[in-house]
């Protein structure tokens, strides 16, 4: 909120904007409101849908709550929606699709939690307020009553608009009760810091510090889902820092706070933690097609191998030999624990492994063979590797920073020159498996694979070869193998 706009004026402005946003959905809202009103049932747009409508960022997913029971909701939607499904009906939720809109309608809830898992004992409530008070945050506890013919009424018994105006994340009840019911809400709070640019209320921050260990009750899959949303937010640096400050990171990505290496007066070095957050920010600035989860995770984790490889050198220096190798292994281990898809694990760990290789380029000393290997090893990740390597320059020395960027410009020009002369995207041996077997007079087996690898290495070293030259080199290699 700007200093020259009063809170009442800002509130009026936001509510007017939300009304305009919802008027654009009149067709679906008025029809739904009419269906429920005809049965003398209440229907409210609720939660994140209201929050996002007020903030002017409402998408096509719409969440509602109602006093109608799930079987009645199914009946109401049956002749209206394009598709209706009941996968969440055990929790009182019926889902539907109508045109471009995905709709979830949940019966008023007044659940009790066992404080062991995060699964509630589902109990239906009788009124809106009892439903709102059990929600995670006050900014998600606002509602708009939906009636027929454009009838709307904004409902905010928990004071969510006050928090939204102040940019604060707070809970309807006590944070201890909220997080005790569902510890994942703590990670969700950090996610909203990233997505919305809000800050934690002090009591929420304190409860997260005290209760961070409760995250152990949450499955890795659910943690990963929240982490991804945080990393893909508009300010993931702030969200990650909240995780580290409150102790949540110790149960999600413990390798990240571990990068806060102690800096002593004799062995000074960059703070690896803040360096990594800066690299993340600079990588985000280089995104050209929306948020890139693989690039962002690689930027965040590229130096996690440094604490394990830190060595104090004579004269006050510090080294981190092979931290990219160690970091890639640590990345795979952590991402597997969080149940990431196999390809995502491979892509992120590969970028971590390759991020340091460019520093051997010097002032252009690499041979064409080395350039080919750089491109081949990166494969489809090459555009991301370009962004990561450039983002990894955080020196405040402008001359040094410019020199690093100039050297990478030179490498990219060399890659393009070689690409124009060769098919760098698909570096393959000059002979295929059938030609290898025919030339060497052998059948399928391990020797064919060894010969194929020899020819690929030859191709990387010398570029495309005439067939006769490739055959001669293979025969010479094969003869040496028989000695």
Foldseek 3Di string as FASTA:
>chain_A
DDPVADLVRLLVVLVVQLLVVVVVVQVVLQVVQALQVVVVKWKKFFFPQSLCSSVVRHDQETEMEIQDFLVVVCVSCVVPFPDKDCPPVQQQWIWGHHVSHTYIYGYQWQWDAPLQALDTPTDGDRDLVSRLLLDLWQLRSKIWIGHHPSDIDTDRPQPNSVCVSQLETDHSDQLLVNCSNPVVSLLLRLLCCQAVVGYYDVRNLVNLLVCLVSCVNPALQSLVVSLLSLLQHNHNLSSVVSCLSSVNCCVQPVLLNVLQDDADPQAGDDSRNVLLSQLLVQLVVVDDPGGDSLLNLLSNQLQSLQVVQWDQDPRRYIDRPQSLVVSLVVQLVSVVSSVDDPVSNVSSSLLSNLLCVCVVCPQNPDDQLVLLVSCVSCQPVVVSSLSSNLSSDDDPPVVVNVVSVVSSVVSVVSNVVVVVVAVSNDQFFPDDLVRLCVLVVHDDDPVSVVLRVVRSSVCSVPNDDDPVVSSVVSVVVVVVVVD
